[in-house]
Amino acid sequence: MSERRVLLIGYGAIGQAIMAHLQAVSGYRLAVFRRNIGHEVLPKGLETLHDLEDVDEFAPDLIVEAAGQAVVRDLVSAWLQDGIDVLISSVGALHDAGLRERLETAARNGCAALLIPAGALAGVDYVNAVGAVPGTRIRYESRKPLAAWQQEIERLGLQDEAATKPVTLYHGDAAGAAARYPANLNVAATLAMAAGGFDRVDVTVIADGRATGNTHTIAVAGPVGTMEVRVVNAPAPDNPKTSMLVAHSVARAIMNHFSPIRMV
């Protein structure tokens, strides 16, 4: 069996963890796309691509975005149009309806797929199954330690209040949450995509000095039934806005993509 060629866009903490997972199993040829040449040396077995011509020559079977929303906006549609499947971690970019339409059109034209991992969440399969059922209500609460929201708390002048009690930073729909907090609320966008619409998920964002991890609570109620799930994820060591689980989820999604037997 030929090696599956996987190209990673971005090589921060999450990207490094994803590649470490893939290097631990056989059957992959791995490359990292980096426009700027850094001083650090990549682990043995990782190729480095520096421009789009290098990407064409590498001919990836799957491209994995772990670099931020700008990459989703600027590069992904062309790859989809060329028939390359793309898995994105910056799902919050999809709050832009125009971008969603452009990516969907490119994927259809290229007979490719835009892949969205569950990321830091549980229960996405349930939301996907019942999200379009009339009368279904979906609520999502994000509760993270103050370190994840330090800049926002300072911007709003809430330092004293946040030091004594949880503070609500946002309440509204998933589109507003993803647009307002692109580095923190990819989860809200993931739920919205599963539910079939950014207006179908009610979002509350809380900074809580007593929180011990990144806590995600999803509550669903409707004609089909009810569900409530609460996940407490350990923050990534060098980025408290992101959960360690994200890298595990993306790596598993990559492996599932190539597996002959898949959970769907």
C-alpha atoms as a PDB file:
ATOM      1  CA  MET A   1       0.000   0.000   0.000  1.00  0.00           C
ATOM      2  CA  SER A   2       1.370   3.419  -0.957  1.00  0.00           C
ATOM      3  CA  GLU A   3       2.016   6.019   1.709  1.00  0.00           C
ATOM      4  CA  ARG A   4      -0.752   8.549   2.384  1.00  0.00           C
ATOM      5  CA  ARG A   5       0.655  12.031   1.759  1.00  0.00           C
ATOM      6  CA  VAL A   6      -0.479  14.460   4.465  1.00  0.00           C
ATOM      7  CA  LEU A   7       0.445  18.150   4.404  1.00  0.00           C
ATOM      8  CA  LEU A   8       0.132  20.225   7.574  1.00  0.00           C
ATOM      9  CA  ILE A   9      -0.330  23.990   7.352  1.00  0.00           C
ATOM     10  CA  GLY A  10       1.115  25.546  10.510  1.00  0.00           C
ATOM     11  CA  TYR A  11       3.547  24.059  12.984  1.00  0.00           C
ATOM     12  CA  GLY A  12       2.653  25.532  16.353  1.00  0.00           C
ATOM     13  CA  ALA A  13       1.914  23.498  19.471  1.00  0.00           C
ATOM     14  CA  ILE A  14      -1.188  21.855  17.989  1.00  0.00           C
ATOM     15  CA  GLY A  15       0.498  21.132  14.670  1.00  0.00           C
ATOM     16  CA  GLN A  16       3.521  19.604  16.386  1.00  0.00           C
ATOM     17  CA  ALA A  17       1.289  17.356  18.491  1.00  0.00           C
ATOM     18  CA  ILE A  18      -0.683  16.252  15.415  1.00  0.00           C
ATOM     19  CA  MET A  19       2.490  15.302  13.579  1.00  0.00           C
ATOM     20  CA  ALA A  20       3.836  13.448  16.618  1.00  0.00           C
ATOM     21  CA  HIS A  21       0.677  11.305  16.606  1.00  0.00           C
ATOM     22  CA  LEU A  22       1.029  10.515  12.905  1.00  0.00           C
ATOM     23  CA  GLN A  23       4.747   9.763  13.138  1.00  0.00           C
ATOM     24  CA  ALA A  24       3.962   7.121  15.738  1.00  0.00           C
ATOM     25  CA  VAL A  25       2.090   5.051  13.150  1.00  0.00           C
ATOM     26  CA  SER A  26       3.187   3.786   9.760  1.00  0.00           C
ATOM     27  CA  GLY A  27       1.846   4.493   6.300  1.00  0.00           C
ATOM     28  CA  TYR A  28       2.185   8.282   6.074  1.00  0.00           C
ATOM     29  CA  ARG A  29       4.451  10.624   4.172  1.00  0.00           C
ATOM     30  CA  LEU A  30       4.343  13.872   6.131  1.00  0.00           C
ATOM     31  CA  ALA A  31       5.162  17.458   5.209  1.00  0.00           C
ATOM     32  CA  VAL A  32       4.804  20.878   6.812  1.00  0.00           C
ATOM     33  CA  PHE A  33       4.064  24.054   4.837  1.00  0.00           C
ATOM     34  CA  ARG A  34       5.975  27.053   6.210  1.00  0.00           C
ATOM     35  CA  ARG A  35       6.449  30.226   4.206  1.00  0.00           C
ATOM     36  CA  ASN A  36       9.058  31.522   6.645  1.00  0.00           C
ATOM     37  CA  ILE A  37      12.061  29.367   7.433  1.00  0.00           C
ATOM     38  CA  GLY A  38      12.400  29.112  11.203  1.00  0.00           C
ATOM     39  CA  HIS A  39      15.519  28.382  13.187  1.00  0.00           C
ATOM     40  CA  GLU A  40      14.180  25.182  14.721  1.00  0.00           C
ATOM     41  CA  VAL A  41      14.927  21.872  13.036  1.00  0.00           C
ATOM     42  CA  LEU A  42      11.921  19.731  12.194  1.00  0.00           C
ATOM     43  CA  PRO A  43      11.890  16.149  13.465  1.00  0.00           C
ATOM     44  CA  LYS A  44      13.334  13.529  11.155  1.00  0.00           C
ATOM     45  CA  GLY A  45      10.769  12.286   8.672  1.00  0.00           C
ATOM     46  CA  LEU A  46       9.018  15.634   8.150  1.00  0.00           C
ATOM     47  CA  GLU A  47       9.495  17.403   4.850  1.00  0.00           C
ATOM     48  CA  THR A  48       9.340  21.206   4.659  1.00  0.00           C
ATOM     49  CA  LEU A  49       7.490  23.005   1.850  1.00  0.00           C
ATOM     50  CA  HIS A  50       7.954  26.748   1.422  1.00  0.00           C
ATOM     51  CA  ASP A  51       5.726  27.776  -1.472  1.00  0.00           C
ATOM     52  CA  LEU A  52       2.629  26.692  -3.356  1.00  0.00           C
ATOM     53  CA  GLU A  53       4.697  25.149  -6.132  1.00  0.00           C
ATOM     54  CA  ASP A  54       6.202  22.819  -3.527  1.00  0.00           C
ATOM     55  CA  VAL A  55       2.664  21.856  -2.483  1.00  0.00           C
ATOM     56  CA  ASP A  56       1.769  20.954  -6.055  1.00  0.00           C
ATOM     57  CA  GLU A  57       4.889  18.811  -6.353  1.00  0.00           C
ATOM     58  CA  PHE A  58       4.205  17.045  -3.044  1.00  0.00           C
ATOM     59  CA  ALA A  59       0.679  16.207  -4.322  1.00  0.00           C
ATOM     60  CA  PRO A  60      -0.982  15.724  -0.923  1.00  0.00           C
ATOM     61  CA  ASP A  61      -3.859  13.324  -0.446  1.00  0.00           C
ATOM     62  CA  LEU A  62      -5.029  15.448   2.492  1.00  0.00           C
ATOM     63  CA  ILE A  63      -4.203  18.961   3.686  1.00  0.00           C
ATOM     64  CA  VAL A  64      -4.624  19.752   7.384  1.00  0.00           C
ATOM     65  CA  GLU A  65      -4.997  23.384   8.487  1.00  0.00           C
ATOM     66  CA  ALA A  66      -3.667  24.303  11.945  1.00  0.00           C
ATOM     67  CA  ALA A  67      -2.589  27.866  11.270  1.00  0.00           C
ATOM     68  CA  GLY A  68      -5.578  30.166  11.768  1.00  0.00           C
ATOM     69  CA  GLN A  69      -8.584  31.536   9.951  1.00  0.00           C
ATOM     70  CA  ALA A  70      -6.579  33.475   7.343  1.00  0.00           C
ATOM     71  CA  VAL A  71      -5.460  30.202   5.764  1.00  0.00           C
ATOM     72  CA  VAL A  72      -9.071  29.014   5.534  1.00  0.00           C
ATOM     73  CA  ARG A  73     -10.079  32.273   3.862  1.00  0.00           C
ATOM     74  CA  ASP A  74      -7.128  32.613   1.492  1.00  0.00           C
ATOM     75  CA  LEU A  75      -5.939  29.145   0.454  1.00  0.00           C
ATOM     76  CA  VAL A  76      -8.431  26.373   1.115  1.00  0.00           C
ATOM     77  CA  SER A  77     -10.858  27.020  -1.734  1.00  0.00           C
ATOM     78  CA  ALA A  78      -8.117  26.624  -4.361  1.00  0.00           C
ATOM     79  CA  TRP A  79      -7.046  23.282  -2.916  1.00  0.00           C
ATOM     80  CA  LEU A  80     -10.633  22.042  -2.815  1.00  0.00           C
ATOM     81  CA  GLN A  81     -11.097  23.197  -6.410  1.00  0.00           C
ATOM     82  CA  ASP A  82      -8.031  21.127  -7.323  1.00  0.00           C
ATOM     83  CA  GLY A  83      -9.660  18.031  -5.832  1.00  0.00           C
ATOM     84  CA  ILE A  84      -7.705  17.870  -2.552  1.00  0.00           C
ATOM     85  CA  ASP A  85      -9.564  17.080   0.662  1.00  0.00           C
ATOM     86  CA  VAL A  86      -8.879  19.646   3.405  1.00  0.00           C
ATOM     87  CA  LEU A  87      -9.377  19.225   7.156  1.00  0.00           C
ATOM     88  CA  ILE A  88      -9.595  22.503   9.075  1.00  0.00           C
ATOM     89  CA  SER A  89      -9.086  23.196  12.769  1.00  0.00           C
ATOM     90  CA  SER A  90      -9.976  26.921  12.528  1.00  0.00           C
ATOM     91  CA  VAL A  91     -13.673  26.135  12.108  1.00  0.00           C
ATOM     92  CA  GLY A  92     -14.646  29.589  13.384  1.00  0.00           C
ATOM     93  CA  ALA A  93     -13.817  30.992   9.941  1.00  0.00           C
ATOM     94  CA  LEU A  94     -17.020  29.388   8.685  1.00  0.00           C
ATOM     95  CA  HIS A  95     -19.169  31.945  10.527  1.00  0.00           C
ATOM     96  CA  ASP A  96     -18.758  33.963   7.303  1.00  0.00           C
ATOM     97  CA  ALA A  97     -21.662  32.806   5.111  1.00  0.00           C
ATOM     98  CA  GLY A  98     -19.943  34.006   1.955  1.00  0.00           C
ATOM     99  CA  LEU A  99     -16.844  31.981   2.744  1.00  0.00           C
ATOM    100  CA  ARG A 100     -18.908  28.888   3.515  1.00  0.00           C
ATOM    101  CA  GLU A 101     -20.636  29.183   0.161  1.00  0.00           C
ATOM    102  CA  ARG A 102     -17.339  29.686  -1.665  1.00  0.00           C
ATOM    103  CA  LEU A 103     -15.756  26.646  -0.013  1.00  0.00           C
ATOM    104  CA  GLU A 104     -18.794  24.482  -0.667  1.00  0.00           C
ATOM    105  CA  THR A 105     -18.801  25.469  -4.338  1.00  0.00           C
ATOM    106  CA  ALA A 106     -15.077  24.752  -4.646  1.00  0.00           C
ATOM    107  CA  ALA A 107     -15.485  21.350  -2.983  1.00  0.00           C
ATOM    108  CA  ARG A 108     -18.342  20.403  -5.308  1.00  0.00           C
ATOM    109  CA  ASN A 109     -16.431  21.527  -8.385  1.00  0.00           C
ATOM    110  CA  GLY A 110     -13.320  19.640  -7.315  1.00  0.00           C
ATOM    111  CA  CYS A 111     -15.157  16.546  -6.048  1.00  0.00           C
ATOM    112  CA  ALA A 112     -13.331  17.112  -2.764  1.00  0.00           C
ATOM    113  CA  ALA A 113     -14.407  17.389   0.871  1.00  0.00           C
ATOM    114  CA  LEU A 114     -13.985  20.042   3.554  1.00  0.00           C
ATOM    115  CA  LEU A 115     -13.567  18.067   6.774  1.00  0.00           C
ATOM    116  CA  ILE A 116     -14.482  19.338  10.250  1.00  0.00           C
ATOM    117  CA  PRO A 117     -13.174  17.427  13.288  1.00  0.00           C
ATOM    118  CA  ALA A 118     -15.062  17.287  16.587  1.00  0.00           C
ATOM    119  CA  GLY A 119     -12.067  18.975  18.184  1.00  0.00           C
ATOM    120  CA  ALA A 120     -12.525  19.705  21.884  1.00  0.00           C
ATOM    121  CA  LEU A 121     -16.135  18.491  21.947  1.00  0.00           C
ATOM    122  CA  ALA A 122     -18.217  15.428  22.716  1.00  0.00           C
ATOM    123  CA  GLY A 123     -21.785  14.873  21.516  1.00  0.00           C
ATOM    124  CA  VAL A 124     -21.277  16.322  18.038  1.00  0.00           C
ATOM    125  CA  ASP A 125     -22.789  13.188  16.468  1.00  0.00           C
ATOM    126  CA  TYR A 126     -25.994  13.696  18.473  1.00  0.00           C
ATOM    127  CA  VAL A 127     -26.238  17.368  17.509  1.00  0.00           C
ATOM    128  CA  ASN A 128     -25.679  16.429  13.870  1.00  0.00           C
ATOM    129  CA  ALA A 129     -28.513  13.895  14.020  1.00  0.00           C
ATOM    130  CA  VAL A 130     -31.139  16.123  15.671  1.00  0.00           C
ATOM    131  CA  GLY A 131     -30.056  19.662  14.766  1.00  0.00           C
ATOM    132  CA  ALA A 132     -32.477  19.998  11.846  1.00  0.00           C
ATOM    133  CA  VAL A 133     -35.471  18.493  13.678  1.00  0.00           C
ATOM    134  CA  PRO A 134     -38.099  21.242  14.156  1.00  0.00           C
ATOM    135  CA  GLY A 135     -38.457  22.336  17.764  1.00  0.00           C
ATOM    136  CA  THR A 136     -34.933  21.314  18.791  1.00  0.00           C
ATOM    137  CA  ARG A 137     -33.035  23.756  21.028  1.00  0.00           C
ATOM    138  CA  ILE A 138     -29.243  23.625  21.367  1.00  0.00           C
ATOM    139  CA  ARG A 139     -27.353  25.478  24.084  1.00  0.00           C
ATOM    140  CA  TYR A 140     -23.599  25.647  24.460  1.00  0.00           C
ATOM    141  CA  GLU A 141     -21.639  27.084  27.377  1.00  0.00           C
ATOM    142  CA  SER A 142     -17.886  27.700  27.272  1.00  0.00           C
ATOM    143  CA  ARG A 143     -16.294  28.136  30.708  1.00  0.00           C
ATOM    144  CA  LYS A 144     -12.538  28.643  30.791  1.00  0.00           C
ATOM    145  CA  PRO A 145      -9.973  29.824  33.384  1.00  0.00           C
ATOM    146  CA  LEU A 146      -9.033  33.498  33.467  1.00  0.00           C
ATOM    147  CA  ALA A 147      -5.732  32.796  31.697  1.00  0.00           C
ATOM    148  CA  ALA A 148      -7.657  31.987  28.508  1.00  0.00           C
ATOM    149  CA  TRP A 149      -9.388  35.372  28.600  1.00  0.00           C
ATOM    150  CA  GLN A 150      -6.780  37.676  30.159  1.00  0.00           C
ATOM    151  CA  GLN A 151      -6.600  40.153  27.267  1.00  0.00           C
ATOM    152  CA  GLU A 152     -10.385  40.306  26.856  1.00  0.00           C
ATOM    153  CA  ILE A 153     -10.934  40.822  30.593  1.00  0.00           C
ATOM    154  CA  GLU A 154      -8.435  43.690  30.571  1.00  0.00           C
ATOM    155  CA  ARG A 155     -10.005  45.192  27.439  1.00  0.00           C
ATOM    156  CA  LEU A 156     -13.420  45.211  29.099  1.00  0.00           C
ATOM    157  CA  GLY A 157     -12.066  46.493  32.421  1.00  0.00           C
ATOM    158  CA  LEU A 158     -13.373  43.447  34.303  1.00  0.00           C
ATOM    159  CA  GLN A 159     -10.229  42.570  36.275  1.00  0.00           C
ATOM    160  CA  ASP A 160     -11.730  43.314  39.708  1.00  0.00           C
ATOM    161  CA  GLU A 161     -15.049  41.586  38.971  1.00  0.00           C
ATOM    162  CA  ALA A 162     -13.382  38.524  37.428  1.00  0.00           C
ATOM    163  CA  ALA A 163     -11.127  38.157  40.466  1.00  0.00           C
ATOM    164  CA  THR A 164     -14.142  37.483  42.703  1.00  0.00           C
ATOM    165  CA  LYS A 165     -16.723  35.721  40.534  1.00  0.00           C
ATOM    166  CA  PRO A 166     -17.368  34.226  37.064  1.00  0.00           C
ATOM    167  CA  VAL A 167     -18.074  36.856  34.403  1.00  0.00           C
ATOM    168  CA  THR A 168     -20.138  36.395  31.235  1.00  0.00           C
ATOM    169  CA  LEU A 169     -18.264  37.729  28.221  1.00  0.00           C
ATOM    170  CA  TYR A 170     -20.800  36.840  25.545  1.00  0.00           C
ATOM    171  CA  HIS A 171     -24.321  35.569  25.070  1.00  0.00           C
ATOM    172  CA  GLY A 172     -25.811  35.180  21.611  1.00  0.00           C
ATOM    173  CA  ASP A 173     -25.696  32.974  18.547  1.00  0.00           C
ATOM    174  CA  ALA A 174     -22.763  30.931  17.280  1.00  0.00           C
ATOM    175  CA  ALA A 175     -21.975  33.285  14.388  1.00  0.00           C
ATOM    176  CA  GLY A 176     -21.429  36.195  16.738  1.00  0.00           C
ATOM    177  CA  ALA A 177     -19.336  34.095  19.096  1.00  0.00           C
ATOM    178  CA  ALA A 178     -17.036  32.802  16.354  1.00  0.00           C
ATOM    179  CA  ALA A 179     -16.654  36.254  14.799  1.00  0.00           C
ATOM    180  CA  ARG A 180     -15.943  37.967  18.120  1.00  0.00           C
ATOM    181  CA  TYR A 181     -13.522  35.375  19.485  1.00  0.00           C
ATOM    182  CA  PRO A 182     -11.817  33.630  16.553  1.00  0.00           C
ATOM    183  CA  ALA A 183      -9.055  32.139  18.725  1.00  0.00           C
ATOM    184  CA  ASN A 184     -11.380  30.831  21.451  1.00  0.00           C
ATOM    185  CA  LEU A 185     -14.694  29.804  19.935  1.00  0.00           C
ATOM    186  CA  ASN A 186     -13.975  27.305  17.156  1.00  0.00           C
ATOM    187  CA  VAL A 187     -16.082  24.939  19.261  1.00  0.00           C
ATOM    188  CA  ALA A 188     -19.202  27.066  18.822  1.00  0.00           C
ATOM    189  CA  ALA A 189     -18.698  27.024  15.060  1.00  0.00           C
ATOM    190  CA  THR A 190     -18.224  23.254  15.075  1.00  0.00           C
ATOM    191  CA  LEU A 191     -21.537  22.820  16.883  1.00  0.00           C
ATOM    192  CA  ALA A 192     -23.246  25.203  14.485  1.00  0.00           C
ATOM    193  CA  MET A 193     -21.987  23.262  11.468  1.00  0.00           C
ATOM    194  CA  ALA A 194     -23.197  20.024  13.063  1.00  0.00           C
ATOM    195  CA  ALA A 195     -26.581  21.586  13.812  1.00  0.00           C
ATOM    196  CA  GLY A 196     -26.952  22.879  10.266  1.00  0.00           C
ATOM    197  CA  GLY A 197     -26.965  26.604  10.992  1.00  0.00           C
ATOM    198  CA  PHE A 198     -25.183  29.285  13.008  1.00  0.00           C
ATOM    199  CA  ASP A 199     -28.530  30.560  14.259  1.00  0.00           C
ATOM    200  CA  ARG A 200     -29.411  27.188  15.794  1.00  0.00           C
ATOM    201  CA  VAL A 201     -26.929  27.277  18.679  1.00  0.00           C
ATOM    202  CA  ASP A 202     -27.316  29.558  21.689  1.00  0.00           C
ATOM    203  CA  VAL A 203     -23.845  30.381  23.069  1.00  0.00           C
ATOM    204  CA  THR A 204     -22.707  31.631  26.474  1.00  0.00           C
ATOM    205  CA  VAL A 205     -19.042  32.416  27.151  1.00  0.00           C
ATOM    206  CA  ILE A 206     -17.846  32.620  30.758  1.00  0.00           C
ATOM    207  CA  ALA A 207     -14.451  33.400  32.278  1.00  0.00           C
ATOM    208  CA  ASP A 208     -14.225  31.654  35.632  1.00  0.00           C
ATOM    209  CA  GLY A 209     -11.304  31.946  38.032  1.00  0.00           C
ATOM    210  CA  ARG A 210     -12.404  28.728  39.722  1.00  0.00           C
ATOM    211  CA  ALA A 211     -12.401  26.653  36.526  1.00  0.00           C
ATOM    212  CA  THR A 212      -9.795  23.914  36.514  1.00  0.00           C
ATOM    213  CA  GLY A 213      -9.900  23.324  32.758  1.00  0.00           C
ATOM    214  CA  ASN A 214     -11.626  24.327  29.536  1.00  0.00           C
ATOM    215  CA  THR A 215     -15.212  23.282  30.214  1.00  0.00           C
ATOM    216  CA  HIS A 216     -17.711  22.731  27.408  1.00  0.00           C
ATOM    217  CA  THR A 217     -21.353  22.049  28.256  1.00  0.00           C
ATOM    218  CA  ILE A 218     -23.863  21.154  25.545  1.00  0.00           C
ATOM    219  CA  ALA A 219     -27.578  20.810  26.234  1.00  0.00           C
ATOM    220  CA  VAL A 220     -30.057  19.673  23.591  1.00  0.00           C
ATOM    221  CA  ALA A 221     -33.826  19.377  23.974  1.00  0.00           C
ATOM    222  CA  GLY A 222     -36.459  18.585  21.358  1.00  0.00           C
ATOM    223  CA  PRO A 223     -39.001  16.117  20.021  1.00  0.00           C
ATOM    224  CA  VAL A 224     -36.407  13.372  19.588  1.00  0.00           C
ATOM    225  CA  GLY A 225     -35.192  13.575  23.196  1.00  0.00           C
ATOM    226  CA  THR A 226     -32.697  15.380  25.400  1.00  0.00           C
ATOM    227  CA  MET A 227     -28.963  15.301  25.896  1.00  0.00           C
ATOM    228  CA  GLU A 228     -26.560  17.074  28.221  1.00  0.00           C
ATOM    229  CA  VAL A 229     -22.839  16.526  28.067  1.00  0.00           C
ATOM    230  CA  ARG A 230     -20.052  18.264  29.956  1.00  0.00           C
ATOM    231  CA  VAL A 231     -16.407  17.976  28.981  1.00  0.00           C
ATOM    232  CA  VAL A 232     -13.508  19.385  31.023  1.00  0.00           C
ATOM    233  CA  ASN A 233     -10.355  19.497  28.915  1.00  0.00           C
ATOM    234  CA  ALA A 234      -6.830  20.213  30.064  1.00  0.00           C
ATOM    235  CA  PRO A 235      -5.547  23.394  28.382  1.00  0.00           C
ATOM    236  CA  ALA A 236      -2.624  23.110  25.983  1.00  0.00           C
ATOM    237  CA  PRO A 237       0.570  23.891  27.937  1.00  0.00           C
ATOM    238  CA  ASP A 238       1.578  26.923  25.869  1.00  0.00           C
ATOM    239  CA  ASN A 239      -1.897  28.139  24.858  1.00  0.00           C
ATOM    240  CA  PRO A 240      -4.638  28.175  27.520  1.00  0.00           C
ATOM    241  CA  LYS A 241      -7.224  29.096  24.871  1.00  0.00           C
ATOM    242  CA  THR A 242      -6.857  25.656  23.285  1.00  0.00           C
ATOM    243  CA  SER A 243      -7.504  22.212  24.748  1.00  0.00           C
ATOM    244  CA  MET A 244      -4.922  19.437  24.559  1.00  0.00           C
ATOM    245  CA  LEU A 245      -7.702  17.222  23.185  1.00  0.00           C
ATOM    246  CA  VAL A 246      -7.764  19.128  19.893  1.00  0.00           C
ATOM    247  CA  ALA A 247      -4.537  17.583  18.591  1.00  0.00           C
ATOM    248  CA  HIS A 248      -5.746  14.092  19.529  1.00  0.00           C
ATOM    249  CA  SER A 249      -9.066  14.721  17.784  1.00  0.00           C
ATOM    250  CA  VAL A 250      -7.482  16.037  14.584  1.00  0.00           C
ATOM    251  CA  ALA A 251      -4.957  13.195  14.435  1.00  0.00           C
ATOM    252  CA  ARG A 252      -7.736  10.634  14.849  1.00  0.00           C
ATOM    253  CA  ALA A 253      -9.813  12.379  12.162  1.00  0.00           C
ATOM    254  CA  ILE A 254      -6.852  12.109   9.773  1.00  0.00           C
ATOM    255  CA  MET A 255      -6.437   8.414  10.456  1.00  0.00           C
ATOM    256  CA  ASN A 256     -10.184   7.805  10.133  1.00  0.00           C
ATOM    257  CA  HIS A 257     -10.183   9.616   6.795  1.00  0.00           C
ATOM    258  CA  PHE A 258      -7.890   6.970   5.334  1.00  0.00           C
ATOM    259  CA  SER A 259      -9.312   3.994   7.213  1.00  0.00           C
ATOM    260  CA  PRO A 260     -11.355   1.369   5.315  1.00  0.00           C
ATOM    261  CA  ILE A 261     -13.646   1.128   8.378  1.00  0.00           C
ATOM    262  CA  ARG A 262     -14.918   4.448   9.734  1.00  0.00           C
ATOM    263  CA  MET A 263     -17.152   5.776  12.477  1.00  0.00           C
ATOM    264  CA  VAL A 264     -19.693   8.137  10.868  1.00  0.00           C
END
